[in-house]
């Protein structure tokens, strides 16, 4: 199958078996124009952790677009991806962020970085204070829980967590025991 339309082009694709209910299409957004468009045409929205004021603005634009299309935005899914760094000590959590996910501290768009070498050089400029307000870095599960709860309280019905460290098994155990059970809608 080939397709050339206003939004994408397919050279070759094969549709195998459609499910009885079509999968939802969530549009990733970080700005007001895309958020409004997502409200008009998509089933829901997905974004990344950001200051609550920015997300509230995105929700407002998304809701505006949905209402323009005659849809009820309160019935549409809102998903969030949260980058975080947890480890048994604050220093280990910070080291993981600095080594494994320095882009979390880069306060500028990264889409135009073309070379891994350039990215590596830029990553060397990241300092611990650059993560402030951009990513929770802590050994305290309650600090993470409180940050996640704020997003849930804001209206997200799906929250995808990304621990940037390599300590995935330990992180899953701790969050499964000490964070997730304490979150509430």
N, C-alpha and C. Protein backbone atom coordinates (compact mmCIF):
# COMPACT_ATOMS: atom_id res chain seq x y z
N UNK A 1 0.85 -1.16 0.00
CA UNK A 1 0.00 0.00 0.00
C UNK A 1 0.90 1.24 0.00
N UNK A 2 0.54 2.21 -0.82
CA UNK A 2 1.24 3.49 -0.86
C UNK A 2 0.25 4.58 -0.52
N UNK A 3 0.77 5.66 0.07
CA UNK A 3 -0.09 6.78 0.43
C UNK A 3 0.74 8.05 0.41
N UNK A 4 0.18 9.09 -0.13
CA UNK A 4 0.82 10.40 -0.08
C UNK A 4 -0.27 11.40 0.25
N UNK A 5 -0.20 11.92 1.48
CA UNK A 5 -1.24 12.84 1.93
C UNK A 5 -0.64 14.09 2.53
N UNK A 6 -1.47 14.95 3.07
CA UNK A 6 -0.97 16.22 3.60
C UNK A 6 -0.14 16.06 4.87
N UNK A 7 -0.25 14.93 5.58
CA UNK A 7 0.45 14.79 6.85
C UNK A 7 1.62 13.81 6.82
N UNK A 8 1.57 12.83 5.94
CA UNK A 8 2.65 11.86 5.86
C UNK A 8 2.62 11.15 4.51
N UNK A 9 3.73 10.46 4.24
CA UNK A 9 3.86 9.70 3.00
C UNK A 9 4.32 8.30 3.36
N UNK A 10 3.69 7.29 2.77
CA UNK A 10 4.10 5.90 2.96
C UNK A 10 4.58 5.35 1.63
N UNK A 11 5.75 4.76 1.65
CA UNK A 11 6.26 4.11 0.45
C UNK A 11 5.69 2.70 0.35
N UNK A 12 5.68 2.02 1.47
CA UNK A 12 5.09 0.69 1.49
C UNK A 12 4.61 0.41 2.91
N UNK A 13 3.46 -0.17 3.00
CA UNK A 13 2.89 -0.55 4.30
C UNK A 13 1.95 -1.72 4.06
N UNK A 14 1.78 -2.49 5.10
CA UNK A 14 0.85 -3.60 4.99
C UNK A 14 0.02 -3.61 6.25
N UNK A 15 -1.27 -3.63 6.09
CA UNK A 15 -2.18 -3.69 7.21
C UNK A 15 -2.49 -5.16 7.46
N UNK A 16 -2.15 -5.63 8.63
CA UNK A 16 -2.34 -7.04 8.93
C UNK A 16 -3.77 -7.28 9.40
N UNK A 17 -4.01 -7.24 10.66
CA UNK A 17 -5.36 -7.47 11.18
C UNK A 17 -5.74 -6.32 12.09
N UNK A 18 -6.81 -5.66 11.77
CA UNK A 18 -7.27 -4.55 12.60
C UNK A 18 -7.96 -5.10 13.84
N UNK A 19 -7.75 -4.46 14.97
CA UNK A 19 -8.48 -4.86 16.17
C UNK A 19 -9.95 -4.45 16.04
N UNK A 20 -10.80 -5.03 16.86
CA UNK A 20 -12.22 -4.68 16.80
C UNK A 20 -12.43 -3.20 17.07
N UNK A 21 -11.64 -2.66 17.99
CA UNK A 21 -11.70 -1.23 18.29
C UNK A 21 -10.37 -0.62 17.85
N UNK A 22 -10.44 0.39 17.04
CA UNK A 22 -9.21 1.02 16.54
C UNK A 22 -8.40 1.59 17.71
N UNK A 23 -7.08 1.53 17.63
CA UNK A 23 -6.25 2.10 18.70
C UNK A 23 -6.40 3.62 18.74
N UNK A 24 -6.26 4.16 19.94
CA UNK A 24 -6.31 5.62 20.09
C UNK A 24 -5.09 6.25 19.43
N UNK A 25 -5.30 7.44 18.92
CA UNK A 25 -4.20 8.23 18.38
C UNK A 25 -4.02 9.42 19.31
N UNK A 26 -2.89 9.44 20.02
CA UNK A 26 -2.55 10.55 20.89
C UNK A 26 -1.47 11.35 20.19
N UNK A 27 -1.59 12.65 20.22
CA UNK A 27 -0.62 13.52 19.58
C UNK A 27 0.29 14.13 20.65
N UNK A 28 1.59 14.02 20.42
CA UNK A 28 2.57 14.61 21.33
C UNK A 28 2.63 16.11 21.08
N UNK A 29 2.61 16.87 22.17
CA UNK A 29 2.63 18.32 22.03
C UNK A 29 3.45 18.97 23.14
N UNK A 30 4.02 20.08 22.79
CA UNK A 30 4.76 20.88 23.77
C UNK A 30 4.42 22.35 23.61
N UNK A 31 3.53 22.66 22.67
CA UNK A 31 3.19 24.05 22.42
C UNK A 31 1.71 24.24 22.17
N UNK A 32 1.25 25.48 22.23
CA UNK A 32 -0.19 25.76 22.14
C UNK A 32 -0.82 25.43 20.79
N UNK A 33 -0.13 25.65 19.69
CA UNK A 33 -0.71 25.41 18.37
C UNK A 33 -0.96 23.92 18.18
N UNK A 34 0.03 23.10 18.51
CA UNK A 34 -0.13 21.66 18.36
C UNK A 34 -1.16 21.12 19.35
N UNK A 35 -1.20 21.67 20.55
CA UNK A 35 -2.18 21.21 21.55
C UNK A 35 -3.60 21.46 21.06
N UNK A 36 -3.84 22.63 20.49
CA UNK A 36 -5.18 22.94 19.99
C UNK A 36 -5.53 22.01 18.82
N UNK A 37 -4.57 21.81 17.93
CA UNK A 37 -4.79 20.92 16.78
C UNK A 37 -5.06 19.49 17.27
N UNK A 38 -4.33 19.05 18.27
CA UNK A 38 -4.54 17.70 18.82
C UNK A 38 -5.97 17.58 19.35
N UNK A 39 -6.46 18.61 20.01
CA UNK A 39 -7.83 18.58 20.52
C UNK A 39 -8.85 18.44 19.41
N UNK A 40 -8.55 19.06 18.26
CA UNK A 40 -9.49 18.99 17.13
C UNK A 40 -9.48 17.64 16.43
N UNK A 41 -8.30 17.04 16.26
CA UNK A 41 -8.20 15.88 15.37
C UNK A 41 -7.80 14.56 16.02
N UNK A 42 -7.20 14.59 17.18
CA UNK A 42 -6.70 13.36 17.79
C UNK A 42 -7.66 12.84 18.86
N UNK A 43 -7.35 11.66 19.35
CA UNK A 43 -8.15 11.07 20.42
C UNK A 43 -7.72 11.57 21.79
N UNK A 44 -6.49 12.08 21.89
CA UNK A 44 -5.97 12.56 23.16
C UNK A 44 -4.62 13.18 22.97
N UNK A 45 -4.00 13.59 24.08
CA UNK A 45 -2.70 14.23 23.97
C UNK A 45 -1.70 13.57 24.89
N UNK A 46 -0.44 13.71 24.52
CA UNK A 46 0.66 13.23 25.34
C UNK A 46 1.72 14.33 25.35
N UNK A 47 2.33 14.53 26.50
CA UNK A 47 3.38 15.53 26.62
C UNK A 47 4.38 15.05 27.66
N UNK A 48 5.41 15.83 27.86
CA UNK A 48 6.44 15.49 28.84
C UNK A 48 6.32 16.42 30.03
N UNK A 49 6.92 15.99 31.14
CA UNK A 49 6.90 16.79 32.35
C UNK A 49 7.41 18.20 32.09
N UNK A 50 6.69 19.16 32.63
CA UNK A 50 7.02 20.58 32.46
C UNK A 50 6.40 21.32 33.64
N UNK A 51 6.70 22.60 33.78
CA UNK A 51 6.03 23.36 34.84
C UNK A 51 4.51 23.25 34.71
N UNK A 52 3.83 23.18 35.85
CA UNK A 52 2.38 22.98 35.86
C UNK A 52 1.65 24.08 35.09
N UNK A 53 2.17 25.30 35.12
CA UNK A 53 1.53 26.41 34.39
C UNK A 53 1.54 26.14 32.89
N UNK A 54 2.64 25.63 32.39
CA UNK A 54 2.73 25.33 30.97
C UNK A 54 1.75 24.23 30.60
N UNK A 55 1.68 23.19 31.41
CA UNK A 55 0.77 22.10 31.11
C UNK A 55 -0.68 22.57 31.19
N UNK A 56 -1.00 23.41 32.15
CA UNK A 56 -2.36 23.96 32.24
C UNK A 56 -2.71 24.71 30.96
N UNK A 57 -1.76 25.47 30.42
CA UNK A 57 -1.98 26.18 29.16
C UNK A 57 -2.22 25.18 28.02
N UNK A 58 -1.41 24.11 27.96
CA UNK A 58 -1.60 23.10 26.93
C UNK A 58 -2.97 22.45 27.04
N UNK A 59 -3.38 22.14 28.26
CA UNK A 59 -4.71 21.55 28.48
C UNK A 59 -5.80 22.51 27.99
N UNK A 60 -5.65 23.80 28.29
CA UNK A 60 -6.64 24.79 27.85
C UNK A 60 -6.77 24.82 26.34
N UNK A 61 -5.64 24.83 25.66
CA UNK A 61 -5.65 24.84 24.19
C UNK A 61 -6.22 23.54 23.63
N UNK A 62 -5.84 22.41 24.24
CA UNK A 62 -6.36 21.11 23.82
C UNK A 62 -7.88 21.10 23.97
N UNK A 63 -8.36 21.55 25.11
CA UNK A 63 -9.81 21.59 25.38
C UNK A 63 -10.52 22.48 24.37
N UNK A 64 -9.91 23.61 24.07
CA UNK A 64 -10.48 24.55 23.09
C UNK A 64 -10.65 23.87 21.72
N UNK A 65 -9.61 23.18 21.29
CA UNK A 65 -9.66 22.49 20.01
C UNK A 65 -10.70 21.39 20.00
N UNK A 66 -10.79 20.64 21.09
CA UNK A 66 -11.78 19.55 21.17
C UNK A 66 -13.20 20.12 21.10
N UNK A 67 -13.45 21.18 21.84
CA UNK A 67 -14.80 21.78 21.82
C UNK A 67 -15.13 22.32 20.44
N UNK A 68 -14.15 22.90 19.74
CA UNK A 68 -14.38 23.40 18.37
C UNK A 68 -14.81 22.25 17.45
N UNK A 69 -14.31 21.04 17.74
CA UNK A 69 -14.65 19.87 16.92
C UNK A 69 -15.91 19.17 17.43
N UNK A 70 -16.55 19.77 18.43
CA UNK A 70 -17.78 19.20 18.95
C UNK A 70 -17.57 18.00 19.87
N UNK A 71 -16.39 17.94 20.49
CA UNK A 71 -16.09 16.81 21.36
C UNK A 71 -15.92 17.28 22.80
N UNK A 72 -16.10 16.36 23.72
CA UNK A 72 -15.97 16.64 25.15
C UNK A 72 -14.55 16.33 25.58
N UNK A 73 -13.73 17.34 25.86
CA UNK A 73 -12.32 17.08 26.21
C UNK A 73 -12.16 16.29 27.50
N UNK A 74 -13.15 16.32 28.39
CA UNK A 74 -13.02 15.59 29.65
C UNK A 74 -13.04 14.07 29.45
N UNK A 75 -13.46 13.62 28.28
CA UNK A 75 -13.50 12.18 28.00
C UNK A 75 -12.27 11.72 27.22
N UNK A 76 -11.38 12.64 26.91
CA UNK A 76 -10.22 12.32 26.07
C UNK A 76 -8.98 12.08 26.93
N UNK A 77 -8.19 11.05 26.61
CA UNK A 77 -7.02 10.74 27.43
C UNK A 77 -5.93 11.81 27.36
N UNK A 78 -5.27 11.95 28.51
CA UNK A 78 -4.13 12.87 28.64
C UNK A 78 -2.99 12.07 29.26
N UNK A 79 -1.94 11.91 28.50
CA UNK A 79 -0.81 11.09 28.94
C UNK A 79 0.42 11.96 29.14
N UNK A 80 1.24 11.55 30.08
CA UNK A 80 2.44 12.30 30.43
C UNK A 80 3.62 11.35 30.56
N UNK A 81 4.76 11.78 30.03
CA UNK A 81 6.00 11.06 30.25
C UNK A 81 6.84 11.90 31.21
N UNK A 82 7.24 11.29 32.31
CA UNK A 82 8.04 11.98 33.32
C UNK A 82 9.42 11.36 33.37
N UNK A 83 10.43 12.17 33.14
CA UNK A 83 11.81 11.74 33.30
C UNK A 83 12.19 12.03 34.76
N UNK A 84 12.83 11.09 35.41
CA UNK A 84 13.23 11.27 36.80
C UNK A 84 14.51 10.50 37.05
N UNK A 85 15.16 10.81 38.16
CA UNK A 85 16.34 10.05 38.53
C UNK A 85 16.23 9.68 40.00
N UNK A 86 16.06 8.38 40.23
CA UNK A 86 16.03 7.85 41.59
C UNK A 86 17.20 6.90 41.76
N UNK A 87 17.79 6.93 42.94
CA UNK A 87 18.85 6.00 43.34
C UNK A 87 18.85 5.96 44.87
N UNK A 88 19.57 5.02 45.46
CA UNK A 88 19.57 4.92 46.92
C UNK A 88 20.10 6.16 47.64
N UNK A 89 20.94 6.95 46.98
CA UNK A 89 21.42 8.20 47.58
C UNK A 89 21.19 9.34 46.60
N UNK A 90 21.10 10.55 47.14
CA UNK A 90 20.93 11.72 46.28
C UNK A 90 22.10 11.87 45.32
N UNK A 91 23.31 11.59 45.80
CA UNK A 91 24.49 11.73 44.94
C UNK A 91 24.45 10.74 43.78
N UNK A 92 24.03 9.50 44.04
CA UNK A 92 23.92 8.52 42.96
C UNK A 92 22.84 8.94 41.96
N UNK A 93 21.74 9.49 42.46
CA UNK A 93 20.66 9.95 41.57
C UNK A 93 21.17 11.09 40.69
N UNK A 94 21.93 12.01 41.27
CA UNK A 94 22.48 13.12 40.49
C UNK A 94 23.50 12.62 39.48
N UNK A 95 24.35 11.71 39.89
CA UNK A 95 25.34 11.16 38.96
C UNK A 95 24.65 10.47 37.78
N UNK A 96 23.59 9.71 38.05
CA UNK A 96 22.85 9.07 36.96
C UNK A 96 22.30 10.10 35.99
N UNK A 97 21.72 11.17 36.52
CA UNK A 97 21.17 12.20 35.65
C UNK A 97 22.27 12.84 34.80
N UNK A 98 23.40 13.15 35.42
CA UNK A 98 24.49 13.83 34.71
C UNK A 98 25.11 12.92 33.64
N UNK A 99 25.24 11.64 33.93
CA UNK A 99 25.92 10.71 33.03
C UNK A 99 24.96 10.12 31.99
N UNK A 100 23.77 9.70 32.44
CA UNK A 100 22.86 8.97 31.58
C UNK A 100 21.84 9.84 30.84
N UNK A 101 21.52 11.01 31.38
CA UNK A 101 20.46 11.82 30.79
C UNK A 101 20.78 13.32 30.88
N UNK A 102 21.95 13.73 30.42
CA UNK A 102 22.29 15.16 30.52
C UNK A 102 21.36 16.05 29.72
N UNK A 103 20.71 15.49 28.69
CA UNK A 103 19.78 16.30 27.91
C UNK A 103 18.62 16.80 28.77
N UNK A 104 18.34 16.14 29.91
CA UNK A 104 17.32 16.62 30.82
C UNK A 104 17.68 17.96 31.44
N UNK A 105 18.95 18.30 31.43
CA UNK A 105 19.39 19.58 31.97
C UNK A 105 19.67 20.62 30.90
N UNK A 106 19.53 20.25 29.65
CA UNK A 106 19.76 21.21 28.55
C UNK A 106 18.51 22.05 28.35
N UNK A 107 18.66 23.33 28.53
CA UNK A 107 17.50 24.24 28.52
C UNK A 107 17.25 24.86 27.14
N UNK A 108 17.47 24.10 26.11
CA UNK A 108 17.27 24.61 24.76
C UNK A 108 16.79 23.46 23.88
N UNK A 109 16.14 23.77 22.76
CA UNK A 109 15.69 22.71 21.85
C UNK A 109 16.88 21.91 21.31
N UNK A 110 16.68 20.63 21.17
CA UNK A 110 17.77 19.76 20.73
C UNK A 110 17.54 19.14 19.36
N UNK A 111 16.45 19.49 18.72
CA UNK A 111 16.09 18.87 17.44
C UNK A 111 17.11 19.16 16.34
N UNK A 112 17.80 20.26 16.42
CA UNK A 112 18.73 20.62 15.36
C UNK A 112 20.15 20.10 15.58
N UNK A 113 20.38 19.39 16.66
CA UNK A 113 21.71 18.82 16.90
C UNK A 113 21.87 17.62 15.96
N UNK A 114 22.83 17.69 15.06
CA UNK A 114 22.97 16.68 14.03
C UNK A 114 24.04 15.63 14.33
N UNK A 115 24.95 15.95 15.21
CA UNK A 115 26.09 15.07 15.41
C UNK A 115 26.16 14.57 16.85
N UNK A 116 26.38 13.27 17.03
CA UNK A 116 26.59 12.75 18.39
C UNK A 116 27.77 13.43 19.08
N UNK A 117 28.78 13.79 18.28
CA UNK A 117 29.94 14.49 18.84
C UNK A 117 29.51 15.85 19.39
N UNK A 118 28.70 16.58 18.64
CA UNK A 118 28.22 17.89 19.11
C UNK A 118 27.39 17.72 20.37
N UNK A 119 26.53 16.71 20.39
CA UNK A 119 25.70 16.47 21.56
C UNK A 119 26.58 16.16 22.78
N UNK A 120 27.59 15.34 22.57
CA UNK A 120 28.50 14.99 23.66
C UNK A 120 29.19 16.23 24.23
N UNK A 121 29.60 17.12 23.35
CA UNK A 121 30.27 18.35 23.80
C UNK A 121 29.30 19.24 24.58
N UNK A 122 28.06 19.35 24.09
CA UNK A 122 27.06 20.15 24.79
C UNK A 122 26.73 19.54 26.15
N UNK A 123 26.70 18.21 26.23
CA UNK A 123 26.38 17.53 27.48
C UNK A 123 27.42 17.84 28.55
N UNK A 124 28.64 18.07 28.14
CA UNK A 124 29.70 18.38 29.11
C UNK A 124 29.47 19.73 29.80
N UNK A 125 28.62 20.57 29.21
CA UNK A 125 28.34 21.88 29.78
C UNK A 125 27.22 21.86 30.81
N UNK A 126 26.50 20.74 30.91
CA UNK A 126 25.39 20.64 31.85
C UNK A 126 25.92 20.58 33.28
N UNK A 127 25.28 21.36 34.15
CA UNK A 127 25.63 21.42 35.56
C UNK A 127 24.44 20.92 36.39
N UNK A 128 24.67 20.46 37.60
CA UNK A 128 23.57 19.96 38.44
C UNK A 128 22.39 20.93 38.56
N UNK A 129 22.68 22.20 38.69
CA UNK A 129 21.60 23.19 38.85
C UNK A 129 20.74 23.32 37.60
N UNK A 130 21.21 22.87 36.46
CA UNK A 130 20.43 22.95 35.22
C UNK A 130 19.20 22.04 35.23
N UNK A 131 19.17 21.06 36.13
CA UNK A 131 18.03 20.15 36.20
C UNK A 131 16.88 20.72 37.03
N UNK A 132 17.14 21.78 37.78
CA UNK A 132 16.12 22.34 38.68
C UNK A 132 14.85 22.70 37.91
N UNK A 133 13.72 22.18 38.39
CA UNK A 133 12.44 22.45 37.76
C UNK A 133 12.20 21.67 36.48
N UNK A 134 13.15 20.85 36.08
CA UNK A 134 13.03 20.11 34.82
C UNK A 134 12.92 18.61 35.05
N UNK A 135 13.47 18.14 36.18
CA UNK A 135 13.49 16.71 36.44
C UNK A 135 13.70 16.50 37.93
N UNK A 136 12.94 15.60 38.55
CA UNK A 136 13.14 15.30 39.97
C UNK A 136 14.32 14.34 40.08
N UNK A 137 15.28 14.75 40.89
CA UNK A 137 16.47 13.94 41.15
C UNK A 137 16.54 13.79 42.66
N UNK A 138 16.25 12.58 43.14
CA UNK A 138 16.20 12.39 44.59
C UNK A 138 16.25 10.91 44.93
N UNK A 139 16.72 10.62 46.15
CA UNK A 139 16.69 9.27 46.68
C UNK A 139 15.41 9.03 47.47
N UNK A 140 14.64 10.07 47.71
CA UNK A 140 13.44 9.99 48.55
C UNK A 140 12.21 9.65 47.70
N UNK A 141 11.65 8.47 47.86
CA UNK A 141 10.47 8.10 47.08
C UNK A 141 9.31 9.08 47.26
N UNK A 142 9.18 9.66 48.45
CA UNK A 142 8.08 10.61 48.69
C UNK A 142 8.24 11.90 47.88
N UNK A 143 9.46 12.30 47.61
CA UNK A 143 9.69 13.48 46.76
C UNK A 143 9.17 13.18 45.35
N UNK A 144 9.47 12.01 44.86
CA UNK A 144 8.99 11.61 43.53
C UNK A 144 7.47 11.46 43.53
N UNK A 145 6.93 10.83 44.57
CA UNK A 145 5.49 10.64 44.65
C UNK A 145 4.76 11.97 44.62
N UNK A 146 5.23 12.94 45.38
CA UNK A 146 4.58 14.25 45.43
C UNK A 146 4.62 14.92 44.06
N UNK A 147 5.72 14.81 43.36
CA UNK A 147 5.83 15.42 42.03
C UNK A 147 4.87 14.75 41.05
N UNK A 148 4.80 13.43 41.08
CA UNK A 148 3.90 12.70 40.19
C UNK A 148 2.45 13.01 40.53
N UNK A 149 2.14 13.09 41.83
CA UNK A 149 0.77 13.37 42.26
C UNK A 149 0.28 14.71 41.74
N UNK A 150 1.16 15.70 41.68
CA UNK A 150 0.77 17.02 41.15
C UNK A 150 0.29 16.91 39.71
N UNK A 151 0.94 16.07 38.93
CA UNK A 151 0.52 15.88 37.54
C UNK A 151 -0.83 15.16 37.47
N UNK A 152 -1.01 14.17 38.31
CA UNK A 152 -2.29 13.47 38.34
C UNK A 152 -3.40 14.43 38.76
N UNK A 153 -3.13 15.24 39.77
CA UNK A 153 -4.12 16.23 40.24
C UNK A 153 -4.47 17.24 39.15
N UNK A 154 -3.52 17.51 38.28
CA UNK A 154 -3.75 18.46 37.19
C UNK A 154 -4.68 17.88 36.12
N UNK A 155 -4.77 16.54 36.04
CA UNK A 155 -5.71 15.95 35.09
C UNK A 155 -5.16 14.86 34.19
N UNK A 156 -3.92 14.44 34.42
CA UNK A 156 -3.40 13.34 33.61
C UNK A 156 -4.02 12.03 34.08
N UNK A 157 -4.44 11.21 33.14
CA UNK A 157 -4.98 9.91 33.51
C UNK A 157 -3.99 8.78 33.22
N UNK A 158 -2.88 9.11 32.54
CA UNK A 158 -1.82 8.14 32.27
C UNK A 158 -0.49 8.84 32.52
N UNK A 159 0.35 8.23 33.32
CA UNK A 159 1.67 8.79 33.59
C UNK A 159 2.70 7.69 33.37
N UNK A 160 3.59 7.94 32.42
CA UNK A 160 4.65 7.00 32.10
C UNK A 160 5.94 7.51 32.73
N UNK A 161 6.55 6.67 33.57
CA UNK A 161 7.75 7.07 34.29
C UNK A 161 9.00 6.54 33.60
N UNK A 162 10.01 7.39 33.52
CA UNK A 162 11.29 7.01 32.93
C UNK A 162 12.38 7.34 33.93
N UNK A 163 12.87 6.32 34.63
CA UNK A 163 14.02 6.51 35.50
C UNK A 163 15.26 6.47 34.62
N UNK A 164 16.06 7.52 34.67
CA UNK A 164 17.18 7.64 33.73
C UNK A 164 18.38 6.78 34.10
N UNK A 165 18.42 6.26 35.32
CA UNK A 165 19.56 5.46 35.75
C UNK A 165 19.52 4.04 35.22
N UNK A 166 20.61 3.35 35.45
CA UNK A 166 20.72 1.95 35.01
C UNK A 166 20.20 0.98 36.08
N UNK A 167 19.74 1.50 37.20
CA UNK A 167 19.28 0.70 38.32
C UNK A 167 17.80 0.36 38.19
N UNK A 168 17.41 -0.15 37.04
CA UNK A 168 15.99 -0.34 36.72
C UNK A 168 15.29 -1.34 37.65
N UNK A 169 15.89 -2.48 37.94
CA UNK A 169 15.23 -3.48 38.78
C UNK A 169 14.99 -2.92 40.19
N UNK A 170 15.99 -2.29 40.74
CA UNK A 170 15.87 -1.70 42.08
C UNK A 170 14.83 -0.58 42.07
N UNK A 171 14.85 0.27 41.05
CA UNK A 171 13.89 1.36 40.93
C UNK A 171 12.46 0.82 40.85
N UNK A 172 12.23 -0.19 40.02
CA UNK A 172 10.90 -0.78 39.90
C UNK A 172 10.42 -1.33 41.24
N UNK A 173 11.30 -1.98 41.96
CA UNK A 173 10.93 -2.53 43.26
C UNK A 173 10.54 -1.42 44.25
N UNK A 174 11.37 -0.40 44.35
CA UNK A 174 11.11 0.70 45.29
C UNK A 174 9.85 1.47 44.90
N UNK A 175 9.70 1.81 43.64
CA UNK A 175 8.52 2.58 43.21
C UNK A 175 7.26 1.73 43.31
N UNK A 176 7.36 0.44 43.00
CA UNK A 176 6.22 -0.45 43.13
C UNK A 176 5.75 -0.60 44.57
N UNK A 177 6.67 -0.50 45.49
CA UNK A 177 6.36 -0.66 46.91
C UNK A 177 6.03 0.67 47.59
N UNK A 178 6.77 1.74 47.24
CA UNK A 178 6.69 2.96 48.03
C UNK A 178 6.08 4.18 47.32
N UNK A 179 5.95 4.14 46.02
CA UNK A 179 5.43 5.31 45.30
C UNK A 179 4.06 5.02 44.71
N UNK A 180 3.97 4.05 43.83
CA UNK A 180 2.72 3.80 43.10
C UNK A 180 1.51 3.55 44.00
N UNK A 181 1.64 2.75 45.09
CA UNK A 181 0.45 2.52 45.92
C UNK A 181 -0.07 3.77 46.63
N UNK A 182 0.77 4.79 46.75
CA UNK A 182 0.37 6.01 47.46
C UNK A 182 -0.19 7.08 46.53
N UNK A 183 -0.18 6.85 45.23
CA UNK A 183 -0.75 7.81 44.29
C UNK A 183 -2.27 7.61 44.25
N UNK A 184 -3.00 8.70 44.07
CA UNK A 184 -4.47 8.60 44.00
C UNK A 184 -5.03 9.62 43.04
N UNK A 185 -6.21 9.29 42.50
CA UNK A 185 -6.91 10.20 41.58
C UNK A 185 -7.72 11.19 42.33
